[in-house]
């Protein structure tokens, strides 16, 4: 079963193909433009920019680095209903 290259949703039927990528709908295709564009960026330039970001200040609070992508989780539950959500954030590790 195919997965959307932008959001990871399983694609049962159809989907949208663009530049070797597969998306579940036009919205994901438009949001996934970075996937298509990243193939055109030289790898050494991209590595240098990632290194600069990683060693720099936190973009959220200006705290000292290193900066990385961290995931926070939230779970809400009632007797018959449970909801969970995770969110990825670029920030420094503060805990």
PDB file of N, CA and C in Angstrom:
ATOM      1  N   UNK A   1       0.848  -1.177   0.000  1.00  0.00           N
ATOM      2  CA  UNK A   1       0.000   0.000   0.000  1.00  0.00           C
ATOM      3  C   UNK A   1       0.896   1.243   0.000  1.00  0.00           C
ATOM      4  N   UNK A   2       0.547   2.182  -0.843  1.00  0.00           N
ATOM      5  CA  UNK A   2       1.339   3.404  -0.971  1.00  0.00           C
ATOM      6  C   UNK A   2       1.033   4.364   0.173  1.00  0.00           C
ATOM      7  N   UNK A   3       2.033   5.192   0.493  1.00  0.00           N
ATOM      8  CA  UNK A   3       1.869   6.222   1.520  1.00  0.00           C
ATOM      9  C   UNK A   3       2.144   7.580   0.897  1.00  0.00           C
ATOM     10  N   UNK A   4       1.454   8.581   1.419  1.00  0.00           N
ATOM     11  CA  UNK A   4       1.676   9.961   0.974  1.00  0.00           C
ATOM     12  C   UNK A   4       3.075  10.386   1.417  1.00  0.00           C
ATOM     13  N   UNK A   5       3.858  10.922   0.494  1.00  0.00           N
ATOM     14  CA  UNK A   5       5.218  11.356   0.819  1.00  0.00           C
ATOM     15  C   UNK A   5       5.238  12.620   1.673  1.00  0.00           C
ATOM     16  N   UNK A   6       4.113  13.308   1.817  1.00  0.00           N
ATOM     17  CA  UNK A   6       4.066  14.497   2.667  1.00  0.00           C
ATOM     18  C   UNK A   6       3.545  14.187   4.069  1.00  0.00           C
ATOM     19  N   UNK A   7       2.372  13.585   4.166  1.00  0.00           N
ATOM     20  CA  UNK A   7       1.751  13.398   5.485  1.00  0.00           C
ATOM     21  C   UNK A   7       1.807  11.961   5.998  1.00  0.00           C
ATOM     22  N   UNK A   8       2.164  11.005   5.145  1.00  0.00           N
ATOM     23  CA  UNK A   8       2.286   9.624   5.584  1.00  0.00           C
ATOM     24  C   UNK A   8       0.988   8.831   5.581  1.00  0.00           C
ATOM     25  N   UNK A   9      -0.103   9.420   5.125  1.00  0.00           N
ATOM     26  CA  UNK A   9      -1.391   8.730   5.067  1.00  0.00           C
ATOM     27  C   UNK A   9      -1.333   7.618   4.033  1.00  0.00           C
ATOM     28  N   UNK A  10      -1.977   6.496   4.340  1.00  0.00           N
ATOM     29  CA  UNK A  10      -2.076   5.408   3.366  1.00  0.00           C
ATOM     30  C   UNK A  10      -2.965   5.837   2.209  1.00  0.00           C
ATOM     31  N   UNK A  11      -2.532   5.515   0.995  1.00  0.00           N
ATOM     32  CA  UNK A  11      -3.295   5.867  -0.206  1.00  0.00           C
ATOM     33  C   UNK A  11      -3.913   4.590  -0.749  1.00  0.00           C
ATOM     34  N   UNK A  12      -5.237   4.482  -0.660  1.00  0.00           N
ATOM     35  CA  UNK A  12      -5.924   3.289  -1.147  1.00  0.00           C
ATOM     36  C   UNK A  12      -6.142   3.356  -2.656  1.00  0.00           C
ATOM     37  N   UNK A  13      -6.671   4.467  -3.134  1.00  0.00           N
ATOM     38  CA  UNK A  13      -6.957   4.623  -4.553  1.00  0.00           C
ATOM     39  C   UNK A  13      -6.458   5.981  -5.023  1.00  0.00           C
ATOM     40  N   UNK A  14      -5.926   6.015  -6.217  1.00  0.00           N
ATOM     41  CA  UNK A  14      -5.561   7.279  -6.836  1.00  0.00           C
ATOM     42  C   UNK A  14      -4.371   7.961  -6.199  1.00  0.00           C
ATOM     43  N   UNK A  15      -4.596   9.148  -5.733  1.00  0.00           N
ATOM     44  CA  UNK A  15      -3.512   9.969  -5.248  1.00  0.00           C
ATOM     45  C   UNK A  15      -3.002  10.859  -6.363  1.00  0.00           C
ATOM     46  N   UNK A  16      -2.023  11.672  -6.056  1.00  0.00           N
ATOM     47  CA  UNK A  16      -1.441  12.594  -7.025  1.00  0.00           C
ATOM     48  C   UNK A  16       0.051  12.310  -7.114  1.00  0.00           C
ATOM     49  N   UNK A  17       0.564  12.167  -8.321  1.00  0.00           N
ATOM     50  CA  UNK A  17       1.990  11.934  -8.520  1.00  0.00           C
ATOM     51  C   UNK A  17       2.630  13.192  -9.096  1.00  0.00           C
ATOM     52  N   UNK A  18       3.834  13.511  -8.585  1.00  0.00           N
ATOM     53  CA  UNK A  18       4.567  14.666  -9.098  1.00  0.00           C
ATOM     54  C   UNK A  18       6.054  14.452  -8.869  1.00  0.00           C
ATOM     55  N   UNK A  19       6.826  14.523  -9.939  1.00  0.00           N
ATOM     56  CA  UNK A  19       8.290  14.445  -9.878  1.00  0.00           C
ATOM     57  C   UNK A  19       8.793  13.244  -9.078  1.00  0.00           C
ATOM     58  N   UNK A  20       8.167  12.107  -9.252  1.00  0.00           N
ATOM     59  CA  UNK A  20       8.605  10.889  -8.573  1.00  0.00           C
ATOM     60  C   UNK A  20       8.072  10.733  -7.155  1.00  0.00           C
ATOM     61  N   UNK A  21       7.257  11.661  -6.681  1.00  0.00           N
ATOM     62  CA  UNK A  21       6.646  11.592  -5.354  1.00  0.00           C
ATOM     63  C   UNK A  21       5.169  11.269  -5.503  1.00  0.00           C
ATOM     64  N   UNK A  22       4.591  10.722  -4.431  1.00  0.00           N
ATOM     65  CA  UNK A  22       3.163  10.407  -4.433  1.00  0.00           C
ATOM     66  C   UNK A  22       2.503  11.076  -3.238  1.00  0.00           C
ATOM     67  N   UNK A  23       1.407  11.768  -3.502  1.00  0.00           N
ATOM     68  CA  UNK A  23       0.672  12.494  -2.477  1.00  0.00           C
ATOM     69  C   UNK A  23      -0.766  12.010  -2.442  1.00  0.00           C
ATOM     70  N   UNK A  24      -1.419  12.137  -1.273  1.00  0.00           N
ATOM     71  CA  UNK A  24      -2.792  11.661  -1.140  1.00  0.00           C
ATOM     72  C   UNK A  24      -3.795  12.597  -1.814  1.00  0.00           C
ATOM     73  N   UNK A  25      -3.473  13.891  -1.915  1.00  0.00           N
ATOM     74  CA  UNK A  25      -4.382  14.846  -2.559  1.00  0.00           C
ATOM     75  C   UNK A  25      -3.591  16.075  -3.011  1.00  0.00           C
ATOM     76  N   UNK A  26      -4.287  17.004  -3.632  1.00  0.00           N
ATOM     77  CA  UNK A  26      -3.624  18.213  -4.155  1.00  0.00           C
ATOM     78  C   UNK A  26      -3.058  19.090  -3.035  1.00  0.00           C
ATOM     79  N   UNK A  27      -3.727  19.121  -1.886  1.00  0.00           N
ATOM     80  CA  UNK A  27      -3.240  19.930  -0.773  1.00  0.00           C
ATOM     81  C   UNK A  27      -1.872  19.434  -0.317  1.00  0.00           C
ATOM     82  N   UNK A  28      -1.729  18.119  -0.152  1.00  0.00           N
ATOM     83  CA  UNK A  28      -0.431  17.564   0.242  1.00  0.00           C
ATOM     84  C   UNK A  28       0.606  17.792  -0.848  1.00  0.00           C
ATOM     85  N   UNK A  29       0.188  17.737  -2.095  1.00  0.00           N
ATOM     86  CA  UNK A  29       1.123  18.012  -3.190  1.00  0.00           C
ATOM     87  C   UNK A  29       1.638  19.445  -3.096  1.00  0.00           C
ATOM     88  N   UNK A  30       0.755  20.397  -2.841  1.00  0.00           N
ATOM     89  CA  UNK A  30       1.172  21.792  -2.729  1.00  0.00           C
ATOM     90  C   UNK A  30       2.043  22.008  -1.495  1.00  0.00           C
ATOM     91  N   UNK A  31       1.680  21.381  -0.386  1.00  0.00           N
ATOM     92  CA  UNK A  31       2.472  21.511   0.833  1.00  0.00           C
ATOM     93  C   UNK A  31       3.806  20.782   0.724  1.00  0.00           C
ATOM     94  N   UNK A  32       3.876  19.769  -0.116  1.00  0.00           N
ATOM     95  CA  UNK A  32       5.096  18.985  -0.258  1.00  0.00           C
ATOM     96  C   UNK A  32       6.066  19.540  -1.278  1.00  0.00           C
ATOM     97  N   UNK A  33       5.917  20.788  -1.673  1.00  0.00           N
ATOM     98  CA  UNK A  33       6.827  21.371  -2.666  1.00  0.00           C
ATOM     99  C   UNK A  33       8.280  21.300  -2.212  1.00  0.00           C
ATOM    100  N   UNK A  34       8.498  21.321  -0.897  1.00  0.00           N
ATOM    101  CA  UNK A  34       9.865  21.259  -0.374  1.00  0.00           C
ATOM    102  C   UNK A  34      10.528  19.931  -0.725  1.00  0.00           C
ATOM    103  N   UNK A  35       9.760  18.844  -0.782  1.00  0.00           N
ATOM    104  CA  UNK A  35      10.327  17.553  -1.154  1.00  0.00           C
ATOM    105  C   UNK A  35      10.866  17.594  -2.575  1.00  0.00           C
ATOM    106  N   UNK A  36      10.127  18.236  -3.447  1.00  0.00           N
ATOM    107  CA  UNK A  36      10.546  18.342  -4.841  1.00  0.00           C
ATOM    108  C   UNK A  36      11.729  19.298  -4.963  1.00  0.00           C
ATOM    109  N   UNK A  37      11.677  20.418  -4.250  1.00  0.00           N
ATOM    110  CA  UNK A  37      12.730  21.428  -4.342  1.00  0.00           C
ATOM    111  C   UNK A  37      14.042  20.954  -3.734  1.00  0.00           C
ATOM    112  N   UNK A  38      13.982  20.114  -2.715  1.00  0.00           N
ATOM    113  CA  UNK A  38      15.205  19.701  -2.015  1.00  0.00           C
ATOM    114  C   UNK A  38      16.131  18.884  -2.921  1.00  0.00           C
ATOM    115  N   UNK A  39      15.557  18.235  -3.936  1.00  0.00           N
ATOM    116  CA  UNK A  39      16.388  17.478  -4.878  1.00  0.00           C
ATOM    117  C   UNK A  39      17.277  18.396  -5.712  1.00  0.00           C
ATOM    118  N   UNK A  40      16.958  19.679  -5.763  1.00  0.00           N
ATOM    119  CA  UNK A  40      17.717  20.624  -6.575  1.00  0.00           C
ATOM    120  C   UNK A  40      18.791  21.361  -5.784  1.00  0.00           C
ATOM    121  N   UNK A  41      18.853  21.154  -4.463  1.00  0.00           N
ATOM    122  CA  UNK A  41      19.839  21.825  -3.614  1.00  0.00           C
ATOM    123  C   UNK A  41      21.080  20.945  -3.505  1.00  0.00           C
ATOM    124  N   UNK A  42      22.269  21.485  -3.730  1.00  0.00           N
ATOM    125  CA  UNK A  42      23.492  20.683  -3.603  1.00  0.00           C
ATOM    126  C   UNK A  42      23.633  20.131  -2.172  1.00  0.00           C
ATOM    127  N   UNK A  43      24.014  18.874  -2.051  1.00  0.00           N
ATOM    128  CA  UNK A  43      24.071  18.203  -0.751  1.00  0.00           C
ATOM    129  C   UNK A  43      25.049  18.870   0.209  1.00  0.00           C
ATOM    130  N   UNK A  44      26.216  19.313  -0.261  1.00  0.00           N
ATOM    131  CA  UNK A  44      27.186  19.941   0.640  1.00  0.00           C
ATOM    132  C   UNK A  44      26.655  21.266   1.207  1.00  0.00           C
ATOM    133  N   UNK A  45      25.919  22.030   0.393  1.00  0.00           N
ATOM    134  CA  UNK A  45      25.308  23.278   0.869  1.00  0.00           C
ATOM    135  C   UNK A  45      24.245  22.977   1.927  1.00  0.00           C
ATOM    136  N   UNK A  46      23.426  21.974   1.674  1.00  0.00           N
ATOM    137  CA  UNK A  46      22.375  21.595   2.615  1.00  0.00           C
ATOM    138  C   UNK A  46      22.960  21.134   3.945  1.00  0.00           C
ATOM    139  N   UNK A  47      24.011  20.318   3.898  1.00  0.00           N
ATOM    140  CA  UNK A  47      24.664  19.857   5.129  1.00  0.00           C
ATOM    141  C   UNK A  47      25.224  21.030   5.950  1.00  0.00           C
ATOM    142  N   UNK A  48      25.820  21.994   5.271  1.00  0.00           N
ATOM    143  CA  UNK A  48      26.383  23.157   5.960  1.00  0.00           C
ATOM    144  C   UNK A  48      25.281  23.978   6.636  1.00  0.00           C
ATOM    145  N   UNK A  49      24.158  24.167   5.955  1.00  0.00           N
ATOM    146  CA  UNK A  49      23.055  24.930   6.532  1.00  0.00           C
ATOM    147  C   UNK A  49      22.453  24.206   7.738  1.00  0.00           C
ATOM    148  N   UNK A  50      22.345  22.896   7.672  1.00  0.00           N
ATOM    149  CA  UNK A  50      21.839  22.113   8.808  1.00  0.00           C
ATOM    150  C   UNK A  50      22.809  22.222   9.981  1.00  0.00           C
ATOM    151  N   UNK A  51      24.106  22.170   9.711  1.00  0.00           N
ATOM    152  CA  UNK A  51      25.107  22.294  10.780  1.00  0.00           C
ATOM    153  C   UNK A  51      25.006  23.663  11.452  1.00  0.00           C
ATOM    154  N   UNK A  52      24.849  24.711  10.655  1.00  0.00           N
ATOM    155  CA  UNK A  52      24.728  26.068  11.199  1.00  0.00           C
ATOM    156  C   UNK A  52      23.485  26.179  12.078  1.00  0.00           C
ATOM    157  N   UNK A  53      22.359  25.645  11.624  1.00  0.00           N
ATOM    158  CA  UNK A  53      21.128  25.672  12.416  1.00  0.00           C
ATOM    159  C   UNK A  53      21.291  24.880  13.708  1.00  0.00           C
ATOM    160  N   UNK A  54      21.890  23.702  13.614  1.00  0.00           N
ATOM    161  CA  UNK A  54      22.060  22.835  14.785  1.00  0.00           C
ATOM    162  C   UNK A  54      22.933  23.497  15.842  1.00  0.00           C
ATOM    163  N   UNK A  55      23.970  24.195  15.455  1.00  0.00           N
ATOM    164  CA  UNK A  55      24.894  24.809  16.402  1.00  0.00           C
ATOM    165  C   UNK A  55      24.468  26.212  16.832  1.00  0.00           C
ATOM    166  N   UNK A  56      23.412  26.755  16.227  1.00  0.00           N
ATOM    167  CA  UNK A  56      22.995  28.120  16.521  1.00  0.00           C
ATOM    168  C   UNK A  56      22.068  28.224  17.718  1.00  0.00           C
ATOM    169  N   UNK A  57      21.491  29.387  17.870  1.00  0.00           N
ATOM    170  CA  UNK A  57      20.547  29.665  18.959  1.00  0.00           C
ATOM    171  C   UNK A  57      19.178  29.106  18.622  1.00  0.00           C
ATOM    172  N   UNK A  58      18.401  28.842  19.656  1.00  0.00           N
ATOM    173  CA  UNK A  58      17.042  28.333  19.499  1.00  0.00           C
ATOM    174  C   UNK A  58      16.186  29.362  18.762  1.00  0.00           C
ATOM    175  N   UNK A  59      15.496  28.974  17.689  1.00  0.00           N
ATOM    176  CA  UNK A  59      14.663  29.930  16.962  1.00  0.00           C
ATOM    177  C   UNK A  59      13.420  30.363  17.741  1.00  0.00           C
ATOM    178  N   UNK A  60      13.036  29.623  18.785  1.00  0.00           N
ATOM    179  CA  UNK A  60      11.846  29.974  19.569  1.00  0.00           C
ATOM    180  C   UNK A  60      12.164  30.953  20.688  1.00  0.00           C
ATOM    181  N   UNK A  61      13.282  30.725  21.418  1.00  0.00           N
ATOM    182  CA  UNK A  61      13.526  31.534  22.618  1.00  0.00           C
ATOM    183  C   UNK A  61      14.927  32.142  22.659  1.00  0.00           C
ATOM    184  N   UNK A  62      15.740  31.892  21.642  1.00  0.00           N
ATOM    185  CA  UNK A  62      17.114  32.377  21.576  1.00  0.00           C
ATOM    186  C   UNK A  62      18.031  31.723  22.598  1.00  0.00           C
ATOM    187  N   UNK A  63      17.609  30.594  23.190  1.00  0.00           N
ATOM    188  CA  UNK A  63      18.459  29.848  24.112  1.00  0.00           C
ATOM    189  C   UNK A  63      19.635  29.234  23.369  1.00  0.00           C
ATOM    190  N   UNK A  64      20.661  28.866  24.111  1.00  0.00           N
ATOM    191  CA  UNK A  64      21.847  28.312  23.453  1.00  0.00           C
ATOM    192  C   UNK A  64      21.560  26.906  22.944  1.00  0.00           C
ATOM    193  N   UNK A  65      22.237  26.521  21.887  1.00  0.00           N
ATOM    194  CA  UNK A  65      22.040  25.231  21.241  1.00  0.00           C
ATOM    195  C   UNK A  65      22.648  24.095  22.016  1.00  0.00           C
ATOM    196  N   UNK A  66      22.763  22.940  21.456  1.00  0.00           N
ATOM    197  CA  UNK A  66      22.420  22.636  20.068  1.00  0.00           C
ATOM    198  C   UNK A  66      20.909  22.552  19.860  1.00  0.00           C
ATOM    199  N   UNK A  67      20.496  22.856  18.645  1.00  0.00           N
ATOM    200  CA  UNK A  67      19.089  22.861  18.259  1.00  0.00           C
ATOM    201  C   UNK A  67      18.793  21.567  17.521  1.00  0.00           C
ATOM    202  N   UNK A  68      17.626  21.019  17.750  1.00  0.00           N
ATOM    203  CA  UNK A  68      17.229  19.783  17.087  1.00  0.00           C
ATOM    204  C   UNK A  68      15.718  19.755  16.980  1.00  0.00           C
ATOM    205  N   UNK A  69      15.176  18.722  16.357  1.00  0.00           N
ATOM    206  CA  UNK A  69      13.731  18.537  16.271  1.00  0.00           C
ATOM    207  C   UNK A  69      13.318  17.648  17.438  1.00  0.00           C
ATOM    208  N   UNK A  70      12.391  18.134  18.254  1.00  0.00           N
ATOM    209  CA  UNK A  70      11.890  17.381  19.400  1.00  0.00           C
ATOM    210  C   UNK A  70      10.390  17.178  19.233  1.00  0.00           C
ATOM    211  N   UNK A  71       9.901  16.045  19.701  1.00  0.00           N
ATOM    212  CA  UNK A  71       8.488  15.714  19.595  1.00  0.00           C
ATOM    213  C   UNK A  71       7.837  15.781  20.961  1.00  0.00           C
ATOM    214  N   UNK A  72       6.710  16.486  21.037  1.00  0.00           N
ATOM    215  CA  UNK A  72       5.933  16.493  22.275  1.00  0.00           C
ATOM    216  C   UNK A  72       4.652  15.703  22.032  1.00  0.00           C
ATOM    217  N   UNK A  73       4.172  15.041  23.063  1.00  0.00           N
ATOM    218  CA  UNK A  73       2.991  14.194  22.966  1.00  0.00           C
ATOM    219  C   UNK A  73       1.920  14.710  23.914  1.00  0.00           C
ATOM    220  N   UNK A  74       0.676  14.645  23.488  1.00  0.00           N
ATOM    221  CA  UNK A  74      -0.454  15.015  24.335  1.00  0.00           C
ATOM    222  C   UNK A  74      -1.524  13.940  24.180  1.00  0.00           C
ATOM    223  N   UNK A  75      -2.002  13.431  25.304  1.00  0.00           N
ATOM    224  CA  UNK A  75      -3.070  12.439  25.300  1.00  0.00           C
ATOM    225  C   UNK A  75      -4.189  12.956  26.181  1.00  0.00           C
ATOM    226  N   UNK A  76      -5.399  12.894  25.673  1.00  0.00           N
ATOM    227  CA  UNK A  76      -6.586  13.292  26.408  1.00  0.00           C
ATOM    228  C   UNK A  76      -7.533  12.099  26.384  1.00  0.00           C
ATOM    229  N   UNK A  77      -8.082  11.750  27.517  1.00  0.00           N
ATOM    230  CA  UNK A  77      -8.922  10.570  27.556  1.00  0.00           C
ATOM    231  C   UNK A  77     -10.111  10.768  28.484  1.00  0.00           C
ATOM    232  N   UNK A  78     -11.265  10.276  28.040  1.00  0.00           N
ATOM    233  CA  UNK A  78     -12.470  10.173  28.861  1.00  0.00           C
ATOM    234  C   UNK A  78     -12.846   8.687  28.847  1.00  0.00           C
ATOM    235  N   UNK A  79     -13.909   8.325  29.448  1.00  0.00           N
ATOM    236  CA  UNK A  79     -14.249   6.908  29.600  1.00  0.00           C
ATOM    237  C   UNK A  79     -14.271   6.164  28.265  1.00  0.00           C
ATOM    238  N   UNK A  80     -14.942   6.677  27.269  1.00  0.00           N
ATOM    239  CA  UNK A  80     -15.048   5.986  25.986  1.00  0.00           C
ATOM    240  C   UNK A  80     -14.322   6.689  24.840  1.00  0.00           C
ATOM    241  N   UNK A  81     -13.675   7.766  25.127  1.00  0.00           N
ATOM    242  CA  UNK A  81     -13.050   8.562  24.079  1.00  0.00           C
ATOM    243  C   UNK A  81     -11.608   8.882  24.446  1.00  0.00           C
ATOM    244  N   UNK A  82     -10.719   8.625  23.519  1.00  0.00           N
ATOM    245  CA  UNK A  82      -9.309   8.951  23.718  1.00  0.00           C
ATOM    246  C   UNK A  82      -8.805   9.696  22.488  1.00  0.00           C
ATOM    247  N   UNK A  83      -8.047  10.723  22.732  1.00  0.00           N
ATOM    248  CA  UNK A  83      -7.456  11.494  21.652  1.00  0.00           C
ATOM    249  C   UNK A  83      -5.967  11.669  21.943  1.00  0.00           C
ATOM    250  N   UNK A  84      -5.154  11.506  20.923  1.00  0.00           N
ATOM    251  CA  UNK A  84      -3.716  11.730  21.105  1.00  0.00           C
ATOM    252  C   UNK A  84      -3.199  12.584  19.963  1.00  0.00           C
ATOM    253  N   UNK A  85      -2.135  13.293  20.254  1.00  0.00           N
ATOM    254  CA  UNK A  85      -1.553  14.189  19.253  1.00  0.00           C
ATOM    255  C   UNK A  85      -0.071  14.317  19.540  1.00  0.00           C
ATOM    256  N   UNK A  86       0.737  14.365  18.505  1.00  0.00           N
ATOM    257  CA  UNK A  86       2.144  14.683  18.700  1.00  0.00           C
ATOM    258  C   UNK A  86       2.496  15.864  17.806  1.00  0.00           C
ATOM    259  N   UNK A  87       3.493  16.617  18.243  1.00  0.00           N
ATOM    260  CA  UNK A  87       3.897  17.819  17.516  1.00  0.00           C
ATOM    261  C   UNK A  87       5.414  17.883  17.499  1.00  0.00           C
ATOM    262  N   UNK A  88       5.970  18.099  16.321  1.00  0.00           N
ATOM    263  CA  UNK A  88       7.411  18.238  16.182  1.00  0.00           C
ATOM    264  C   UNK A  88       7.755  19.728  16.212  1.00  0.00           C
ATOM    265  N   UNK A  89       8.796  20.063  16.969  1.00  0.00           N
ATOM    266  CA  UNK A  89       9.205  21.450  17.131  1.00  0.00           C
ATOM    267  C   UNK A  89      10.719  21.552  17.009  1.00  0.00           C
ATOM    268  N   UNK A  90      11.195  22.564  16.311  1.00  0.00           N
ATOM    269  CA  UNK A  90      12.632  22.833  16.241  1.00  0.00           C
ATOM    270  C   UNK A  90      12.969  23.745  17.404  1.00  0.00           C
ATOM    271  N   UNK A  91      13.742  23.235  18.351  1.00  0.00           N
ATOM    272  CA  UNK A  91      14.128  24.006  19.523  1.00  0.00           C
ATOM    273  C   UNK A  91      15.325  23.329  20.192  1.00  0.00           C
ATOM    274  N   UNK A  92      15.873  23.958  21.214  1.00  0.00           N
ATOM    275  CA  UNK A  92      16.970  23.327  21.934  1.00  0.00           C
ATOM    276  C   UNK A  92      16.392  22.443  23.020  1.00  0.00           C
ATOM    277  N   UNK A  93      17.172  21.487  23.443  1.00  0.00           N
ATOM    278  CA  UNK A  93      16.703  20.544  24.462  1.00  0.00           C
ATOM    279  C   UNK A  93      16.816  21.211  25.815  1.00  0.00           C
ATOM    280  N   UNK A  94      15.710  21.563  26.409  1.00  0.00           N
ATOM    281  CA  UNK A  94      15.710  22.344  27.643  1.00  0.00           C
ATOM    282  C   UNK A  94      15.376  21.525  28.872  1.00  0.00           C
ATOM    283  N   UNK A  95      15.209  20.243  28.753  1.00  0.00           N
ATOM    284  CA  UNK A  95      14.908  19.428  29.928  1.00  0.00           C
ATOM    285  C   UNK A  95      15.994  18.445  30.196  1.00  0.00           C
TER     286      UNK A  95
END
